[in-house]
Amino acid sequence: MERSFNLAVTARLERHIDVFLPQRDGGLLMQHVKKEISPDRAAGLSFQTDEIGDGKLTPSIAVLDGSNIDEGCRV
């Protein structure tokens, strides 16, 4: 549900701005592991990809509708 929601929001935003959606544009952990990269290294690669993408964004938008702030959000 979260991915579907994020893709729908992204589609609307991309009519007006460039969007980096980590779930779509970042390195998903399981994609790296399927390439036989160790889970520890895969986690590092995913983090690096997301950091690079986040660093290119101005401004950033976060949907804060859950019970906790997502670990990927910076506040």
PDB file of N, CA and C in Angstrom:
ATOM      1  N   MET A   1       0.813  -1.195   0.000  1.00  0.00           N
ATOM      2  CA  MET A   1       0.000   0.000   0.000  1.00  0.00           C
ATOM      3  C   MET A   1       0.863   1.269   0.000  1.00  0.00           C
ATOM      4  N   GLU A   2       1.924   1.241   0.811  1.00  0.00           N
ATOM      5  CA  GLU A   2       2.767   2.429   0.895  1.00  0.00           C
ATOM      6  C   GLU A   2       3.431   2.728  -0.447  1.00  0.00           C
ATOM      7  N   ARG A   3       3.941   1.700  -1.096  1.00  0.00           N
ATOM      8  CA  ARG A   3       4.591   1.926  -2.397  1.00  0.00           C
ATOM      9  C   ARG A   3       3.604   2.442  -3.424  1.00  0.00           C
ATOM     10  N   SER A   4       2.411   1.879  -3.454  1.00  0.00           N
ATOM     11  CA  SER A   4       1.382   2.341  -4.392  1.00  0.00           C
ATOM     12  C   SER A   4       1.040   3.802  -4.135  1.00  0.00           C
ATOM     13  N   PHE A   5       0.866   4.144  -2.863  1.00  0.00           N
ATOM     14  CA  PHE A   5       0.571   5.527  -2.500  1.00  0.00           C
ATOM     15  C   PHE A   5       1.709   6.448  -2.932  1.00  0.00           C
ATOM     16  N   ASN A   6       2.939   6.063  -2.631  1.00  0.00           N
ATOM     17  CA  ASN A   6       4.095   6.893  -2.980  1.00  0.00           C
ATOM     18  C   ASN A   6       4.218   7.074  -4.490  1.00  0.00           C
ATOM     19  N   LEU A   7       3.952   6.024  -5.251  1.00  0.00           N
ATOM     20  CA  LEU A   7       3.996   6.133  -6.716  1.00  0.00           C
ATOM     21  C   LEU A   7       2.908   7.068  -7.237  1.00  0.00           C
ATOM     22  N   ALA A   8       1.725   7.015  -6.633  1.00  0.00           N
ATOM     23  CA  ALA A   8       0.639   7.899  -7.052  1.00  0.00           C
ATOM     24  C   ALA A   8       0.983   9.363  -6.756  1.00  0.00           C
ATOM     25  N   VAL A   9       1.523   9.625  -5.579  1.00  0.00           N
ATOM     26  CA  VAL A   9       1.927  10.991  -5.227  1.00  0.00           C
ATOM     27  C   VAL A   9       3.045  11.456  -6.163  1.00  0.00           C
ATOM     28  N   THR A  10       3.996  10.580  -6.417  1.00  0.00           N
ATOM     29  CA  THR A  10       5.107  10.910  -7.306  1.00  0.00           C
ATOM     30  C   THR A  10       4.617  11.262  -8.705  1.00  0.00           C
ATOM     31  N   ALA A  11       3.687  10.474  -9.237  1.00  0.00           N
ATOM     32  CA  ALA A  11       3.151  10.732 -10.576  1.00  0.00           C
ATOM     33  C   ALA A  11       2.532  12.126 -10.663  1.00  0.00           C
ATOM     34  N   ARG A  12       1.837  12.523  -9.617  1.00  0.00           N
ATOM     35  CA  ARG A  12       1.225  13.858  -9.611  1.00  0.00           C
ATOM     36  C   ARG A  12       2.281  14.951  -9.507  1.00  0.00           C
ATOM     37  N   LEU A  13       3.275  14.734  -8.665  1.00  0.00           N
ATOM     38  CA  LEU A  13       4.323  15.733  -8.499  1.00  0.00           C
ATOM     39  C   LEU A  13       5.172  15.878  -9.756  1.00  0.00           C
ATOM     40  N   GLU A  14       5.412  14.767 -10.442  1.00  0.00           N
ATOM     41  CA  GLU A  14       6.303  14.807 -11.608  1.00  0.00           C
ATOM     42  C   GLU A  14       5.707  15.566 -12.792  1.00  0.00           C
ATOM     43  N   ARG A  15       4.482  15.938 -12.697  1.00  0.00           N
ATOM     44  CA  ARG A  15       3.907  16.822 -13.720  1.00  0.00           C
ATOM     45  C   ARG A  15       4.548  18.203 -13.639  1.00  0.00           C
ATOM     46  N   HIS A  16       5.143  18.507 -12.472  1.00  0.00           N
ATOM     47  CA  HIS A  16       5.650  19.853 -12.225  1.00  0.00           C
ATOM     48  C   HIS A  16       7.126  19.914 -11.837  1.00  0.00           C
ATOM     49  N   ILE A  17       7.624  18.841 -11.206  1.00  0.00           N
ATOM     50  CA  ILE A  17       8.999  18.863 -10.703  1.00  0.00           C
ATOM     51  C   ILE A  17       9.645  17.490 -10.893  1.00  0.00           C
ATOM     52  N   ASP A  18      10.977  17.453 -10.817  1.00  0.00           N
ATOM     53  CA  ASP A  18      11.696  16.179 -10.803  1.00  0.00           C
ATOM     54  C   ASP A  18      11.568  15.571  -9.417  1.00  0.00           C
ATOM     55  N   VAL A  19      11.397  14.263  -9.368  1.00  0.00           N
ATOM     56  CA  VAL A  19      11.204  13.573  -8.092  1.00  0.00           C
ATOM     57  C   VAL A  19      12.201  12.425  -7.973  1.00  0.00           C
ATOM     58  N   PHE A  20      12.857  12.340  -6.817  1.00  0.00           N
ATOM     59  CA  PHE A  20      13.660  11.174  -6.465  1.00  0.00           C
ATOM     60  C   PHE A  20      12.857  10.401  -5.436  1.00  0.00           C
ATOM     61  N   LEU A  21      12.350   9.247  -5.830  1.00  0.00           N
ATOM     62  CA  LEU A  21      11.600   8.375  -4.929  1.00  0.00           C
ATOM     63  C   LEU A  21      12.511   7.200  -4.590  1.00  0.00           C
ATOM     64  N   PRO A  22      13.026   7.144  -3.365  1.00  0.00           N
ATOM     65  CA  PRO A  22      13.983   6.091  -3.024  1.00  0.00           C
ATOM     66  C   PRO A  22      13.486   4.680  -3.342  1.00  0.00           C
ATOM     67  N   GLN A  23      12.195   4.428  -3.155  1.00  0.00           N
ATOM     68  CA  GLN A  23      11.666   3.097  -3.447  1.00  0.00           C
ATOM     69  C   GLN A  23      11.738   2.768  -4.924  1.00  0.00           C
ATOM     70  N   ARG A  24      11.758   3.770  -5.769  1.00  0.00           N
ATOM     71  CA  ARG A  24      11.801   3.555  -7.213  1.00  0.00           C
ATOM     72  C   ARG A  24      13.191   3.836  -7.780  1.00  0.00           C
ATOM     73  N   ASP A  25      13.816   4.907  -7.315  1.00  0.00           N
ATOM     74  CA  ASP A  25      15.055   5.386  -7.916  1.00  0.00           C
ATOM     75  C   ASP A  25      16.304   4.987  -7.148  1.00  0.00           C
ATOM     76  N   GLY A  26      16.133   4.634  -5.905  1.00  0.00           N
ATOM     77  CA  GLY A  26      17.271   4.231  -5.080  1.00  0.00           C
ATOM     78  C   GLY A  26      17.594   2.764  -5.302  1.00  0.00           C
ATOM     79  N   GLY A  27      18.625   2.315  -4.644  1.00  0.00           N
ATOM     80  CA  GLY A  27      19.006   0.913  -4.747  1.00  0.00           C
ATOM     81  C   GLY A  27      18.259   0.087  -3.729  1.00  0.00           C
ATOM     82  N   LEU A  28      17.278  -0.661  -4.171  1.00  0.00           N
ATOM     83  CA  LEU A  28      16.531  -1.491  -3.235  1.00  0.00           C
ATOM     84  C   LEU A  28      17.404  -2.642  -2.746  1.00  0.00           C
ATOM     85  N   LEU A  29      17.360  -2.873  -1.469  1.00  0.00           N
ATOM     86  CA  LEU A  29      18.199  -3.878  -0.820  1.00  0.00           C
ATOM     87  C   LEU A  29      18.097  -5.240  -1.503  1.00  0.00           C
ATOM     88  N   MET A  30      16.893  -5.700  -1.752  1.00  0.00           N
ATOM     89  CA  MET A  30      16.726  -7.040  -2.323  1.00  0.00           C
ATOM     90  C   MET A  30      17.272  -7.134  -3.745  1.00  0.00           C
ATOM     91  N   GLN A  31      17.238  -6.037  -4.489  1.00  0.00           N
ATOM     92  CA  GLN A  31      17.827  -6.056  -5.833  1.00  0.00           C
ATOM     93  C   GLN A  31      19.325  -6.315  -5.752  1.00  0.00           C
ATOM     94  N   HIS A  32      19.985  -5.710  -4.769  1.00  0.00           N
ATOM     95  CA  HIS A  32      21.421  -5.922  -4.597  1.00  0.00           C
ATOM     96  C   HIS A  32      21.711  -7.354  -4.142  1.00  0.00           C
ATOM     97  N   VAL A  33      20.920  -7.844  -3.203  1.00  0.00           N
ATOM     98  CA  VAL A  33      21.142  -9.193  -2.685  1.00  0.00           C
ATOM     99  C   VAL A  33      20.948 -10.226  -3.794  1.00  0.00           C
ATOM    100  N   LYS A  34      19.975 -10.006  -4.674  1.00  0.00           N
ATOM    101  CA  LYS A  34      19.759 -10.928  -5.801  1.00  0.00           C
ATOM    102  C   LYS A  34      20.963 -10.972  -6.733  1.00  0.00           C
ATOM    103  N   LYS A  35      21.752  -9.897  -6.726  1.00  0.00           N
ATOM    104  CA  LYS A  35      22.978  -9.849  -7.537  1.00  0.00           C
ATOM    105  C   LYS A  35      24.155 -10.471  -6.788  1.00  0.00           C
ATOM    106  N   GLU A  36      23.836 -11.169  -5.697  1.00  0.00           N
ATOM    107  CA  GLU A  36      24.810 -11.878  -4.866  1.00  0.00           C
ATOM    108  C   GLU A  36      25.764 -10.940  -4.131  1.00  0.00           C
ATOM    109  N   ILE A  37      25.261  -9.767  -3.796  1.00  0.00           N
ATOM    110  CA  ILE A  37      26.007  -8.840  -2.955  1.00  0.00           C
ATOM    111  C   ILE A  37      25.599  -9.149  -1.518  1.00  0.00           C
ATOM    112  N   SER A  38      26.550  -9.166  -0.616  1.00  0.00           N
ATOM    113  CA  SER A  38      26.232  -9.498   0.780  1.00  0.00           C
ATOM    114  C   SER A  38      25.210  -8.507   1.342  1.00  0.00           C
ATOM    115  N   PRO A  39      24.371  -8.972   2.265  1.00  0.00           N
ATOM    116  CA  PRO A  39      23.367  -8.071   2.841  1.00  0.00           C
ATOM    117  C   PRO A  39      23.962  -6.802   3.456  1.00  0.00           C
ATOM    118  N   ASP A  40      25.109  -6.901   4.114  1.00  0.00           N
ATOM    119  CA  ASP A  40      25.736  -5.715   4.703  1.00  0.00           C
ATOM    120  C   ASP A  40      26.165  -4.721   3.631  1.00  0.00           C
ATOM    121  N   ARG A  41      26.787  -5.230   2.588  1.00  0.00           N
ATOM    122  CA  ARG A  41      27.227  -4.353   1.485  1.00  0.00           C
ATOM    123  C   ARG A  41      26.019  -3.789   0.740  1.00  0.00           C
ATOM    124  N   ALA A  42      24.988  -4.610   0.562  1.00  0.00           N
ATOM    125  CA  ALA A  42      23.770  -4.166  -0.117  1.00  0.00           C
ATOM    126  C   ALA A  42      23.122  -3.018   0.646  1.00  0.00           C
ATOM    127  N   ALA A  43      23.086  -3.122   1.967  1.00  0.00           N
ATOM    128  CA  ALA A  43      22.516  -2.048   2.788  1.00  0.00           C
ATOM    129  C   ALA A  43      23.312  -0.757   2.602  1.00  0.00           C
ATOM    130  N   GLY A  44      24.629  -0.879   2.554  1.00  0.00           N
ATOM    131  CA  GLY A  44      25.477   0.291   2.345  1.00  0.00           C
ATOM    132  C   GLY A  44      25.254   0.927   0.991  1.00  0.00           C
ATOM    133  N   LEU A  45      25.123   0.104  -0.047  1.00  0.00           N
ATOM    134  CA  LEU A  45      24.877   0.625  -1.394  1.00  0.00           C
ATOM    135  C   LEU A  45      23.531   1.339  -1.477  1.00  0.00           C
ATOM    136  N   SER A  46      22.518   0.748  -0.863  1.00  0.00           N
ATOM    137  CA  SER A  46      21.192   1.371  -0.867  1.00  0.00           C
ATOM    138  C   SER A  46      21.242   2.723  -0.160  1.00  0.00           C
ATOM    139  N   PHE A  47      21.920   2.762   0.976  1.00  0.00           N
ATOM    140  CA  PHE A  47      22.042   4.004   1.736  1.00  0.00           C
ATOM    141  C   PHE A  47      22.764   5.069   0.908  1.00  0.00           C
ATOM    142  N   GLN A  48      23.863   4.694   0.254  1.00  0.00           N
ATOM    143  CA  GLN A  48      24.626   5.646  -0.558  1.00  0.00           C
ATOM    144  C   GLN A  48      23.784   6.206  -1.694  1.00  0.00           C
ATOM    145  N   THR A  49      23.045   5.338  -2.371  1.00  0.00           N
ATOM    146  CA  THR A  49      22.202   5.785  -3.483  1.00  0.00           C
ATOM    147  C   THR A  49      21.151   6.762  -2.999  1.00  0.00           C
ATOM    148  N   ASP A  50      20.530   6.459  -1.875  1.00  0.00           N
ATOM    149  CA  ASP A  50      19.514   7.350  -1.328  1.00  0.00           C
ATOM    150  C   ASP A  50      20.122   8.673  -0.877  1.00  0.00           C
ATOM    151  N   GLU A  51      21.312   8.640  -0.281  1.00  0.00           N
ATOM    152  CA  GLU A  51      21.982   9.864   0.151  1.00  0.00           C
ATOM    153  C   GLU A  51      22.296  10.758  -1.041  1.00  0.00           C
ATOM    154  N   ILE A  52      22.766  10.174  -2.135  1.00  0.00           N
ATOM    155  CA  ILE A  52      23.078  10.957  -3.337  1.00  0.00           C
ATOM    156  C   ILE A  52      21.800  11.580  -3.882  1.00  0.00           C
ATOM    157  N   GLY A  53      20.735  10.790  -3.951  1.00  0.00           N
ATOM    158  CA  GLY A  53      19.462  11.311  -4.440  1.00  0.00           C
ATOM    159  C   GLY A  53      18.909  12.392  -3.545  1.00  0.00           C
ATOM    160  N   ASP A  54      18.968  12.181  -2.245  1.00  0.00           N
ATOM    161  CA  ASP A  54      18.468  13.177  -1.298  1.00  0.00           C
ATOM    162  C   ASP A  54      19.264  14.474  -1.400  1.00  0.00           C
ATOM    163  N   GLY A  55      20.554  14.353  -1.633  1.00  0.00           N
ATOM    164  CA  GLY A  55      21.404  15.533  -1.703  1.00  0.00           C
ATOM    165  C   GLY A  55      21.121  16.423  -2.901  1.00  0.00           C
ATOM    166  N   LYS A  56      20.486  15.871  -3.926  1.00  0.00           N
ATOM    167  CA  LYS A  56      20.162  16.642  -5.121  1.00  0.00           C
ATOM    168  C   LYS A  56      18.812  17.343  -5.005  1.00  0.00           C
ATOM    169  N   LEU A  57      18.089  17.071  -3.955  1.00  0.00           N
ATOM    170  CA  LEU A  57      16.730  17.583  -3.834  1.00  0.00           C
ATOM    171  C   LEU A  57      16.664  18.913  -3.106  1.00  0.00           C
ATOM    172  N   THR A  58      15.902  19.802  -3.676  1.00  0.00           N
ATOM    173  CA  THR A  58      15.579  21.051  -3.018  1.00  0.00           C
ATOM    174  C   THR A  58      14.219  21.477  -3.551  1.00  0.00           C
ATOM    175  N   PRO A  59      13.230  21.529  -2.802  1.00  0.00           N
ATOM    176  CA  PRO A  59      13.087  21.089  -1.415  1.00  0.00           C
ATOM    177  C   PRO A  59      12.792  19.606  -1.335  1.00  0.00           C
ATOM    178  N   SER A  60      12.695  19.107  -0.136  1.00  0.00           N
ATOM    179  CA  SER A  60      12.305  17.722   0.109  1.00  0.00           C
ATOM    180  C   SER A  60      10.880  17.704   0.640  1.00  0.00           C
ATOM    181  N   ILE A  61      10.150  16.658   0.279  1.00  0.00           N
ATOM    182  CA  ILE A  61       8.781  16.482   0.754  1.00  0.00           C
ATOM    183  C   ILE A  61       8.709  15.130   1.441  1.00  0.00           C
ATOM    184  N   ALA A  62       8.119  15.100   2.609  1.00  0.00           N
ATOM    185  CA  ALA A  62       7.928  13.849   3.336  1.00  0.00           C
ATOM    186  C   ALA A  62       6.468  13.740   3.745  1.00  0.00           C
ATOM    187  N   VAL A  63       5.898  12.579   3.549  1.00  0.00           N
ATOM    188  CA  VAL A  63       4.534  12.325   3.998  1.00  0.00           C
ATOM    189  C   VAL A  63       4.636  11.715   5.394  1.00  0.00           C
ATOM    190  N   LEU A  64       4.098  12.399   6.367  1.00  0.00           N
ATOM    191  CA  LEU A  64       4.211  11.977   7.767  1.00  0.00           C
ATOM    192  C   LEU A  64       2.840  11.560   8.296  1.00  0.00           C
ATOM    193  N   ASP A  65       2.310  10.496   7.705  1.00  0.00           N
ATOM    194  CA  ASP A  65       0.971  10.070   8.088  1.00  0.00           C
ATOM    195  C   ASP A  65       0.950   8.785   8.905  1.00  0.00           C
ATOM    196  N   GLY A  66       2.088   8.258   9.254  1.00  0.00           N
ATOM    197  CA  GLY A  66       2.141   7.016  10.016  1.00  0.00           C
ATOM    198  C   GLY A  66       2.325   7.268  11.501  1.00  0.00           C
ATOM    199  N   SER A  67       2.429   6.204  12.240  1.00  0.00           N
ATOM    200  CA  SER A  67       2.608   6.341  13.689  1.00  0.00           C
ATOM    201  C   SER A  67       4.029   6.748  14.048  1.00  0.00           C
ATOM    202  N   ASN A  68       4.977   6.492  13.143  1.00  0.00           N
ATOM    203  CA  ASN A  68       6.376   6.861  13.348  1.00  0.00           C
ATOM    204  C   ASN A  68       6.893   7.583  12.117  1.00  0.00           C
ATOM    205  N   ILE A  69       7.882   8.443  12.314  1.00  0.00           N
ATOM    206  CA  ILE A  69       8.553   9.072  11.186  1.00  0.00           C
ATOM    207  C   ILE A  69       9.459   8.028  10.569  1.00  0.00           C
ATOM    208  N   ASP A  70       9.382   7.872   9.247  1.00  0.00           N
ATOM    209  CA  ASP A  70      10.177   6.890   8.532  1.00  0.00           C
ATOM    210  C   ASP A  70      11.658   7.134   8.769  1.00  0.00           C
ATOM    211  N   GLU A  71      12.416   6.061   8.894  1.00  0.00           N
ATOM    212  CA  GLU A  71      13.852   6.202   9.155  1.00  0.00           C
ATOM    213  C   GLU A  71      14.581   6.929   8.049  1.00  0.00           C
ATOM    214  N   GLY A  72      13.981   7.052   6.874  1.00  0.00           N
ATOM    215  CA  GLY A  72      14.619   7.760   5.778  1.00  0.00           C
ATOM    216  C   GLY A  72      14.408   9.265   5.814  1.00  0.00           C
ATOM    217  N   CYS A  73      13.564   9.740   6.707  1.00  0.00           N
ATOM    218  CA  CYS A  73      13.284  11.180   6.798  1.00  0.00           C
ATOM    219  C   CYS A  73      14.277  11.861   7.710  1.00  0.00           C
ATOM    220  N   ARG A  74      14.642  13.052   7.336  1.00  0.00           N
ATOM    221  CA  ARG A  74      15.490  13.869   8.193  1.00  0.00           C
ATOM    222  C   ARG A  74      14.652  15.021   8.702  1.00  0.00           C
ATOM    223  N   VAL A  75      14.687  15.208   9.971  1.00  0.00           N
ATOM    224  CA  VAL A  75      13.929  16.328  10.550  1.00  0.00           C
ATOM    225  C   VAL A  75      14.852  17.235  11.327  1.00  0.00           C
TER     226      VAL A  75
END
